[in-house]
Amino acid sequence: MEQFKLPKIPMPELELPQSIQAVLQEAEEQLAHRPKLLQLFKNCFPNTLETTTKLMEDGTTFVITGDIPAMWLRDSVEQVIHYIPFAKNDPQLQRILSGLIKRHFQYIHIDPYANAFNESANDWHWNTTDETEMSPWVWERKFEIDSLCFSVRLAYLYWKETGLTDVFDANFKSAMIKIIELFKTEQHHVEKSPYRFTRDNGIPTDFLRNNGLGMPVNYTGMIWSGFRSSDDACDFHYNIPGNMFAVVALRQMQEFAEWVFRDMKLLDELKRLTADVIMGFNCTVFTVTRNLDRSMLMRPMDSVITV
């Protein structure tokens, strides 16, 4: 039997931005007495830019995930997050990061439920027999609540570090509204959601039970998620860490609405949604822990979640 081979995409060599070259030069001086550590740093720190980053002709940036020719929303953020502190005075690095933000929000327009996307509409998929609403742009369509949160996180941290607002265009705002609408839909997953996902490969963590709908849930105020960050299916679909991350993302979007778009109606909508999610996991956590000693009870989540 012929072994399955992942398709490959060309990755042109990328010139390292000046700020990253400066960091590597500083490391040469600061770690001269630790040659093994220096070599490790020189291998690792620029690796994303040297091996997985591609500047696109439309001004966006595509970041592949390791040896897989696709871009995960979550992974691509964490692959570049350590470069953000150096972006303020480096136009080359700004081009890379802002381009990645733009591509993220283009992808969210295509399918806010998908977790990984193709470079183009080439119709490549991790599993061609997945039963879900696939697009030729989508590599995999596992809905993981944190994927959307990471896209917001990248835009927020870039904005706070550089002060630049060029990424916050009409496309960004409309994609942000898509995120809000999806979150509101998934508060009522059984009644309102169009999302289904099944995969016939015999791996229980790779598909959703109940004909792709997931296990039955009631309304809590929290946001339903099909899969965890590991790409494994949730057993209990109101994932608490994922919803805590969603609250952080919603608060970051509140700042976008208030200070970038000056849209007070959108701000109010975000505040209401945030309050619903917080109430949902406050009630859930206190219900689960009501029989524990009072000293073990958690504080209300609103007091522990910060940006």
Protein backbone atom coordinates (compact mmCIF):
# COMPACT_ATOMS: atom_id res chain seq x y z
CA MET A 1 0.00 0.00 0.00
CA GLU A 2 1.35 3.43 -0.95
CA GLN A 3 1.96 5.63 2.08
CA PHE A 4 -0.17 8.77 2.31
CA LYS A 5 1.89 11.90 1.70
CA LEU A 6 0.88 15.39 2.70
CA PRO A 7 0.83 17.87 -0.18
CA LYS A 8 3.51 20.54 -0.08
CA ILE A 9 3.44 24.24 -0.84
CA PRO A 10 6.43 26.38 -1.83
CA MET A 11 7.83 28.50 1.01
CA PRO A 12 10.09 31.27 -0.36
CA GLU A 13 12.94 32.38 1.88
CA LEU A 14 11.93 35.32 4.06
CA GLU A 15 14.40 38.02 5.03
CA LEU A 16 14.39 38.43 8.79
CA PRO A 17 13.06 41.82 9.97
CA GLN A 18 15.67 44.19 11.36
CA SER A 19 14.34 43.97 14.93
CA ILE A 20 14.65 40.18 14.92
CA GLN A 21 18.18 40.38 13.52
CA ALA A 22 18.99 42.79 16.36
CA VAL A 23 17.68 40.31 18.95
CA LEU A 24 19.87 37.58 17.50
CA GLN A 25 22.88 39.89 17.57
CA GLU A 26 22.19 40.77 21.19
CA ALA A 27 21.95 37.07 22.01
CA GLU A 28 25.42 36.56 20.50
CA GLU A 29 26.76 39.02 23.06
CA GLN A 30 24.67 38.08 26.08
CA LEU A 31 24.98 34.31 25.68
CA ALA A 32 28.56 34.09 24.47
CA HIS A 33 29.47 32.20 27.65
CA ARG A 34 26.67 29.64 27.02
CA PRO A 35 27.33 28.41 23.46
CA LYS A 36 24.82 25.53 23.56
CA LEU A 37 22.05 27.77 24.86
CA LEU A 38 22.98 30.41 22.29
CA GLN A 39 22.73 27.90 19.45
CA LEU A 40 19.38 26.66 20.75
CA PHE A 41 18.04 30.22 20.86
CA LYS A 42 19.34 31.01 17.37
CA ASN A 43 17.66 27.87 16.05
CA CYS A 44 14.32 28.41 17.78
CA PHE A 45 13.59 32.15 18.02
CA PRO A 46 13.48 32.96 14.27
CA ASN A 47 12.23 29.52 13.21
CA THR A 48 8.65 30.56 12.41
CA LEU A 49 9.86 33.34 10.12
CA GLU A 50 12.49 31.16 8.48
CA THR A 51 10.43 28.03 7.86
CA THR A 52 6.65 28.58 8.09
CA THR A 53 5.87 32.18 7.07
CA LYS A 54 4.82 33.23 3.58
CA LEU A 55 4.01 36.77 2.44
CA MET A 56 1.08 36.76 0.03
CA GLU A 57 0.54 39.07 -2.93
CA ASP A 58 -2.72 40.39 -1.46
CA GLY A 59 -0.87 41.84 1.54
CA THR A 60 -1.78 39.01 3.91
CA THR A 61 0.50 36.47 5.59
CA PHE A 62 0.14 32.69 5.58
CA VAL A 63 1.74 30.66 8.40
CA ILE A 64 1.77 26.89 8.00
CA THR A 65 1.61 24.56 10.98
CA GLY A 66 4.83 22.53 10.98
CA ASP A 67 4.90 20.05 8.11
CA ILE A 68 1.16 20.35 7.42
CA PRO A 69 0.38 22.66 4.45
CA ALA A 70 -2.43 24.44 6.30
CA MET A 71 -2.84 27.28 8.77
CA TRP A 72 -4.52 26.72 12.12
CA LEU A 73 -5.99 29.89 13.62
CA ARG A 74 -4.76 29.01 17.11
CA ASP A 75 -1.34 27.69 16.14
CA SER A 76 -0.42 30.54 13.81
CA VAL A 77 -1.01 33.07 16.60
CA GLU A 78 1.19 31.22 19.06
CA GLN A 79 3.85 30.77 16.38
CA VAL A 80 4.30 34.56 16.08
CA ILE A 81 3.26 35.86 19.50
CA HIS A 82 6.87 36.26 20.70
CA TYR A 83 7.60 38.70 17.87
CA ILE A 84 4.93 41.24 18.85
CA PRO A 85 7.07 43.07 21.47
CA PHE A 86 9.52 43.98 18.68
CA ALA A 87 6.96 45.27 16.17
CA LYS A 88 6.45 48.89 17.22
CA ASN A 89 9.36 50.35 15.25
CA ASP A 90 9.85 47.68 12.59
CA PRO A 91 7.78 48.10 9.38
CA GLN A 92 8.93 44.69 8.07
CA LEU A 93 7.61 42.92 11.14
CA GLN A 94 4.45 45.02 11.09
CA ARG A 95 3.84 43.84 7.52
CA ILE A 96 4.11 40.20 8.61
CA LEU A 97 1.89 40.51 11.68
CA SER A 98 -0.76 42.79 10.21
CA GLY A 99 -0.91 40.52 7.17
CA LEU A 100 -1.55 37.54 9.42
CA ILE A 101 -4.35 39.39 11.22
CA LYS A 102 -5.96 40.28 7.89
CA ARG A 103 -5.80 36.67 6.71
CA HIS A 104 -7.31 35.45 9.99
CA PHE A 105 -10.32 37.68 9.59
CA GLN A 106 -10.67 36.77 5.91
CA TYR A 107 -10.84 33.13 6.98
CA ILE A 108 -13.44 33.91 9.64
CA HIS A 109 -15.59 35.38 6.88
CA ILE A 110 -15.24 32.15 4.90
CA ASP A 111 -16.16 29.87 7.81
CA PRO A 112 -16.14 30.89 11.49
CA TYR A 113 -16.57 27.24 12.53
CA ALA A 114 -13.34 26.01 10.91
CA ASN A 115 -10.10 25.57 12.83
CA ALA A 116 -7.63 25.23 9.92
CA PHE A 117 -7.48 26.70 6.42
CA ASN A 118 -5.71 26.30 3.10
CA GLU A 119 -3.45 28.84 1.43
CA SER A 120 -5.93 29.03 -1.45
CA ALA A 121 -9.22 27.44 -2.46
CA ASN A 122 -7.34 24.28 -3.47
CA ASP A 123 -9.86 21.87 -1.90
CA TRP A 124 -7.24 20.13 0.26
CA HIS A 125 -8.65 18.52 3.42
CA TRP A 126 -7.24 16.53 6.33
CA ASN A 127 -10.04 14.03 5.79
CA THR A 128 -11.97 14.19 2.54
CA THR A 129 -14.91 12.19 3.93
CA ASP A 130 -15.76 14.44 6.90
CA GLU A 131 -19.51 15.00 7.07
CA THR A 132 -19.84 18.74 7.60
CA GLU A 133 -20.26 21.85 5.43
CA MET A 134 -16.78 21.94 3.90
CA SER A 135 -15.34 24.69 1.72
CA PRO A 136 -12.38 24.40 -0.69
CA TRP A 137 -10.65 26.92 1.60
CA VAL A 138 -11.04 24.74 4.70
CA TRP A 139 -8.45 22.13 5.69
CA GLU A 140 -10.38 20.99 8.78
CA ARG A 141 -13.70 22.08 10.27
CA LYS A 142 -13.57 21.23 13.95
CA PHE A 143 -15.27 24.01 15.90
CA GLU A 144 -13.04 24.95 18.83
CA ILE A 145 -14.10 28.06 20.71
CA ASP A 146 -10.50 29.07 21.39
CA SER A 147 -9.68 29.35 17.66
CA LEU A 148 -11.72 32.53 17.32
CA CYS A 149 -10.40 33.85 20.63
CA PHE A 150 -6.82 33.52 19.40
CA SER A 151 -7.62 35.60 16.31
CA VAL A 152 -8.95 38.37 18.54
CA ARG A 153 -5.95 38.01 20.86
CA LEU A 154 -3.49 38.53 18.00
CA ALA A 155 -5.24 41.69 16.80
CA TYR A 156 -5.52 43.06 20.33
CA LEU A 157 -1.87 42.52 21.29
CA TYR A 158 -0.67 43.94 17.97
CA TRP A 159 -2.81 47.05 18.49
CA LYS A 160 -1.65 47.55 22.07
CA GLU A 161 2.01 47.14 21.15
CA THR A 162 2.13 49.25 17.99
CA GLY A 163 -0.81 51.64 18.37
CA LEU A 164 -1.60 50.97 14.70
CA THR A 165 -5.22 50.64 13.59
CA ASP A 166 -4.80 49.86 9.89
CA VAL A 167 -6.02 46.27 10.38
CA PHE A 168 -9.35 47.48 11.78
CA ASP A 169 -11.13 47.94 8.48
CA ALA A 170 -14.69 47.11 7.41
CA ASN A 171 -13.70 43.48 6.79
CA PHE A 172 -12.35 43.18 10.34
CA LYS A 173 -15.50 44.65 11.87
CA SER A 174 -17.87 42.45 9.87
CA ALA A 175 -15.82 39.36 10.80
CA MET A 176 -15.96 40.44 14.43
CA ILE A 177 -19.74 40.61 14.14
CA LYS A 178 -19.67 37.07 12.72
CA ILE A 179 -17.84 35.92 15.85
CA ILE A 180 -20.44 37.57 18.07
CA GLU A 181 -23.32 36.02 16.13
CA LEU A 182 -21.71 32.59 16.26
CA PHE A 183 -21.19 32.86 20.02
CA LYS A 184 -24.84 33.83 20.47
CA THR A 185 -25.98 30.94 18.27
CA GLU A 186 -23.86 28.45 20.19
CA GLN A 187 -25.41 29.55 23.48
CA HIS A 188 -28.44 27.69 22.06
CA HIS A 189 -26.61 24.93 20.20
CA VAL A 190 -29.33 22.28 20.07
CA GLU A 191 -32.07 24.69 19.02
CA LYS A 192 -30.23 27.03 16.63
CA SER A 193 -26.85 25.75 15.49
CA PRO A 194 -26.26 24.56 11.91
CA TYR A 195 -22.97 22.93 12.92
CA ARG A 196 -22.53 19.18 12.62
CA PHE A 197 -19.34 17.11 12.42
CA THR A 198 -18.80 13.40 11.92
CA ARG A 199 -15.70 11.49 10.80
CA ASP A 200 -15.81 7.79 10.08
CA ASN A 201 -12.33 6.75 11.19
CA GLY A 202 -13.15 4.77 14.32
CA ILE A 203 -11.42 7.21 16.69
CA PRO A 204 -13.94 8.28 19.38
CA THR A 205 -12.23 11.63 20.04
CA ASP A 206 -12.31 12.59 16.35
CA PHE A 207 -16.05 13.07 15.85
CA LEU A 208 -19.15 14.32 17.66
CA ARG A 209 -21.69 11.87 18.99
CA ASN A 210 -25.43 12.08 18.39
CA ASN A 211 -25.11 12.18 14.59
CA GLY A 212 -22.61 15.01 14.68
CA LEU A 213 -24.67 17.27 16.94
CA GLY A 214 -22.80 16.46 20.15
CA MET A 215 -24.26 15.39 23.47
CA PRO A 216 -27.48 17.11 24.62
CA VAL A 217 -27.07 20.41 26.46
CA ASN A 218 -29.37 23.00 28.03
CA TYR A 219 -28.99 26.76 27.96
CA THR A 220 -26.58 28.09 30.59
CA GLY A 221 -25.33 31.34 29.06
CA MET A 222 -22.03 29.71 28.13
CA ILE A 223 -20.88 29.07 24.56
CA TRP A 224 -20.94 25.51 23.20
CA SER A 225 -17.73 24.06 21.72
CA GLY A 226 -17.44 20.88 19.69
CA PHE A 227 -13.74 20.23 20.25
CA ARG A 228 -10.99 21.11 22.68
CA SER A 229 -7.71 22.85 21.85
CA SER A 230 -6.16 19.41 21.35
CA ASP A 231 -8.59 18.83 18.42
CA ASP A 232 -10.24 16.10 20.53
CA ALA A 233 -14.02 16.09 20.88
CA CYS A 234 -15.54 17.51 24.05
CA ASP A 235 -17.49 15.13 26.27
CA PHE A 236 -19.10 18.08 28.03
CA HIS A 237 -19.52 20.86 25.51
CA TYR A 238 -19.52 23.88 27.82
CA ASN A 239 -15.75 23.95 28.15
CA ILE A 240 -14.93 26.18 31.14
CA PRO A 241 -11.38 27.25 30.12
CA GLY A 242 -12.63 27.94 26.60
CA ASN A 243 -15.46 30.10 27.91
CA MET A 244 -13.08 31.97 30.21
CA PHE A 245 -10.93 32.69 27.15
CA ALA A 246 -14.08 33.81 25.31
CA VAL A 247 -14.78 36.35 28.05
CA VAL A 248 -11.27 37.76 27.61
CA ALA A 249 -11.80 37.96 23.84
CA LEU A 250 -15.22 39.59 24.29
CA ARG A 251 -13.70 42.22 26.55
CA GLN A 252 -10.97 42.85 24.00
CA MET A 253 -13.65 43.27 21.33
CA GLN A 254 -15.39 45.73 23.64
CA GLU A 255 -12.28 47.89 23.41
CA PHE A 256 -12.30 47.60 19.63
CA ALA A 257 -15.96 48.67 19.56
CA GLU A 258 -15.46 51.60 21.92
CA TRP A 259 -12.07 53.02 20.97
CA VAL A 260 -11.52 51.98 17.35
CA PHE A 261 -14.96 51.76 15.75
CA ARG A 262 -16.76 54.14 18.16
CA ASP A 263 -19.80 51.89 17.93
CA MET A 264 -21.67 52.14 21.23
CA LYS A 265 -24.48 49.85 20.09
CA LEU A 266 -21.97 47.10 19.34
CA LEU A 267 -20.27 47.79 22.67
CA ASP A 268 -23.55 47.28 24.55
CA GLU A 269 -24.19 44.03 22.69
CA LEU A 270 -20.73 42.76 23.63
CA LYS A 271 -21.24 43.70 27.27
CA ARG A 272 -24.53 41.80 27.43
CA LEU A 273 -23.02 38.72 25.83
CA THR A 274 -20.04 38.86 28.18
CA ALA A 275 -22.34 39.07 31.21
CA ASP A 276 -24.35 36.07 29.96
CA VAL A 277 -21.24 33.90 29.63
CA ILE A 278 -19.93 34.92 33.05
CA MET A 279 -23.28 34.16 34.66
CA GLY A 280 -23.31 30.79 32.90
CA PHE A 281 -20.08 29.50 34.33
CA ASN A 282 -20.58 31.15 37.71
CA CYS A 283 -23.83 29.20 38.08
CA THR A 284 -22.23 26.02 36.74
CA VAL A 285 -19.17 26.19 38.98
CA PHE A 286 -21.19 26.96 42.09
CA THR A 287 -23.68 24.21 41.31
CA VAL A 288 -20.88 21.66 40.96
CA THR A 289 -19.13 22.82 44.14
CA ARG A 290 -22.14 23.54 46.36
CA ASN A 291 -21.47 20.50 48.55
CA LEU A 292 -17.82 21.34 49.15
CA ASP A 293 -16.48 23.13 52.20
CA ARG A 294 -17.12 26.86 51.81
CA SER A 295 -13.40 27.60 52.02
CA MET A 296 -12.91 25.62 48.81
CA LEU A 297 -15.48 27.51 46.75
CA MET A 298 -14.13 29.59 43.91
CA ARG A 299 -14.63 33.32 43.80
CA PRO A 300 -17.06 34.55 41.14
CA MET A 301 -15.36 34.22 37.77
CA ASP A 302 -15.87 37.91 37.01
CA SER A 303 -13.30 38.69 39.71
CA VAL A 304 -10.59 36.38 38.38
CA ILE A 305 -10.75 36.84 34.62
CA THR A 306 -8.49 39.59 33.33
CA VAL A 307 -7.31 40.65 29.90
